[in-house]
């Protein structure tokens, strides 16, 4: 624990997820448009932690290769990590902000990246 009483973690943590489900929902005009959603469910298959992952990304713009705002939750054995991020069509990495957690991760914040792969993603989070 630090001087404020918040439990701190010895991190960064890195792990790989494997996508199990993916659903794209076309909510606006037919084809890519603002408001479209992508829902992704996965499992953490290797790395520093084990558990599940879930993501919801909403398209906010289709200009310049597109922009989506994403919430990605990691339901890990020792607690949950909640992240938010932005995905742009011209960058492969999704930049994430860690906005909270439960269990071992209660009170943490931080940042990280999620790099999509053909079957899931490689994730590195820097928690403090």
Protein backbone atom coordinates (compact mmCIF):
# COMPACT_ATOMS: atom_id res chain seq x y z
CA UNK A 1 0.00 0.00 0.00
CA UNK A 2 1.17 3.53 -0.67
CA UNK A 3 0.89 6.52 1.71
CA UNK A 4 -2.76 7.13 0.71
CA UNK A 5 -3.73 3.58 1.64
CA UNK A 6 -4.31 2.52 -1.96
CA UNK A 7 -2.99 -0.94 -2.73
CA UNK A 8 -0.35 -0.79 -5.44
CA UNK A 9 0.64 -3.54 -7.87
CA UNK A 10 4.09 -4.52 -9.03
CA UNK A 11 3.49 -4.19 -12.75
CA UNK A 12 3.49 -3.79 -15.91
CA UNK A 13 1.51 -6.84 -16.91
CA UNK A 14 1.47 -8.37 -20.38
CA UNK A 15 -0.83 -11.02 -21.78
CA UNK A 16 -2.38 -12.41 -24.95
CA UNK A 17 -6.10 -12.77 -25.57
CA UNK A 18 -7.79 -15.17 -27.96
CA UNK A 19 -11.02 -13.99 -29.55
CA UNK A 20 -13.97 -16.33 -28.98
CA UNK A 21 -16.82 -14.18 -30.29
CA UNK A 22 -17.14 -11.06 -32.41
CA UNK A 23 -20.36 -9.36 -33.46
CA UNK A 24 -20.53 -6.29 -35.67
CA UNK A 25 -23.76 -4.32 -35.43
CA UNK A 26 -24.64 -1.92 -38.26
CA UNK A 27 -26.82 0.69 -36.51
CA UNK A 28 -26.69 3.67 -38.86
CA UNK A 29 -27.00 3.82 -42.61
CA UNK A 30 -26.01 0.57 -44.34
CA UNK A 31 -22.22 0.15 -44.27
CA UNK A 32 -19.67 1.81 -41.98
CA UNK A 33 -21.15 4.83 -40.17
CA UNK A 34 -21.11 6.62 -36.82
CA UNK A 35 -22.92 4.57 -34.17
CA UNK A 36 -21.93 1.14 -35.48
CA UNK A 37 -20.78 -1.24 -32.73
CA UNK A 38 -18.36 -4.12 -32.47
CA UNK A 39 -18.65 -6.53 -29.53
CA UNK A 40 -15.76 -8.90 -28.80
CA UNK A 41 -15.44 -11.64 -26.19
CA UNK A 42 -12.23 -13.51 -25.48
CA UNK A 43 -10.07 -15.45 -23.10
CA UNK A 44 -6.65 -14.53 -21.72
CA UNK A 45 -4.55 -17.48 -22.90
CA UNK A 46 -0.98 -16.64 -21.92
CA UNK A 47 1.07 -14.11 -20.03
CA UNK A 48 1.15 -12.67 -16.53
CA UNK A 49 -2.58 -13.19 -15.78
CA UNK A 50 -5.53 -15.45 -16.71
CA UNK A 51 -9.21 -14.68 -17.22
CA UNK A 52 -11.67 -13.28 -19.74
CA UNK A 53 -11.81 -10.16 -21.89
CA UNK A 54 -14.75 -8.22 -23.27
CA UNK A 55 -14.79 -5.19 -25.53
CA UNK A 56 -17.38 -2.83 -26.95
CA UNK A 57 -16.27 -0.37 -29.62
CA UNK A 58 -18.52 2.33 -31.06
CA UNK A 59 -17.63 4.05 -34.33
CA UNK A 60 -17.61 7.83 -33.84
CA UNK A 61 -16.28 8.80 -37.27
CA UNK A 62 -15.62 7.15 -40.61
CA UNK A 63 -13.35 9.97 -41.83
CA UNK A 64 -9.59 9.37 -42.23
CA UNK A 65 -9.83 5.57 -41.87
CA UNK A 66 -12.30 5.77 -38.96
CA UNK A 67 -12.25 6.36 -35.21
CA UNK A 68 -13.87 4.15 -32.57
CA UNK A 69 -14.15 4.59 -28.81
CA UNK A 70 -13.72 1.32 -26.95
CA UNK A 71 -14.32 0.01 -23.45
CA UNK A 72 -12.30 -3.11 -22.76
CA UNK A 73 -12.77 -5.04 -19.51
CA UNK A 74 -10.48 -7.80 -18.29
CA UNK A 75 -12.13 -10.17 -15.81
CA UNK A 76 -9.06 -11.73 -14.25
CA UNK A 77 -8.69 -14.31 -11.48
CA UNK A 78 -7.53 -11.68 -8.98
CA UNK A 79 -9.96 -8.91 -9.99
CA UNK A 80 -11.30 -6.83 -12.84
CA UNK A 81 -9.50 -4.13 -14.85
CA UNK A 82 -11.58 -1.54 -16.71
CA UNK A 83 -10.01 0.33 -19.62
CA UNK A 84 -11.11 2.88 -22.22
CA UNK A 85 -9.40 3.65 -25.46
CA UNK A 86 -9.51 4.96 -28.96
CA UNK A 87 -8.96 2.95 -32.10
CA UNK A 88 -8.05 4.70 -35.31
CA UNK A 89 -8.04 2.95 -38.67
CA UNK A 90 -4.53 4.14 -39.49
CA UNK A 91 -2.90 2.79 -36.30
CA UNK A 92 -2.61 -0.88 -35.38
CA UNK A 93 -2.40 -0.36 -31.59
CA UNK A 94 -5.36 0.66 -29.47
CA UNK A 95 -4.15 3.11 -26.83
CA UNK A 96 -5.79 2.31 -23.49
CA UNK A 97 -6.33 4.24 -20.26
CA UNK A 98 -6.85 2.07 -17.18
CA UNK A 99 -9.71 3.75 -15.33
CA UNK A 100 -10.20 1.38 -12.42
CA UNK A 101 -10.32 -2.10 -11.06
CA UNK A 102 -11.55 -4.45 -8.36
CA UNK A 103 -9.91 -7.03 -6.11
CA UNK A 104 -6.12 -6.92 -6.41
CA UNK A 105 -6.54 -4.02 -8.86
CA UNK A 106 -8.80 -1.84 -6.70
CA UNK A 107 -7.77 1.81 -7.00
CA UNK A 108 -5.31 1.35 -9.86
CA UNK A 109 -4.98 3.60 -12.88
CA UNK A 110 -2.56 3.50 -15.74
CA UNK A 111 -2.16 3.16 -19.47
CA UNK A 112 -1.34 0.58 -22.06
CA UNK A 113 -1.76 -0.79 -25.54
CA UNK A 114 -3.71 -3.57 -27.17
CA UNK A 115 -2.25 -4.77 -30.46
CA UNK A 116 -4.73 -6.75 -32.55
CA UNK A 117 -3.60 -10.10 -33.98
CA UNK A 118 -5.30 -12.48 -36.39
CA UNK A 119 -6.86 -14.37 -33.45
CA UNK A 120 -7.06 -11.83 -30.61
CA UNK A 121 -4.67 -9.26 -29.17
CA UNK A 122 -1.40 -8.71 -27.31
CA UNK A 123 -1.91 -6.42 -24.32
CA UNK A 124 0.53 -4.53 -22.10
CA UNK A 125 -0.79 -2.46 -19.20
CA UNK A 126 1.30 -0.20 -16.95
CA UNK A 127 -0.55 0.07 -13.64
CA UNK A 128 0.07 2.39 -10.71
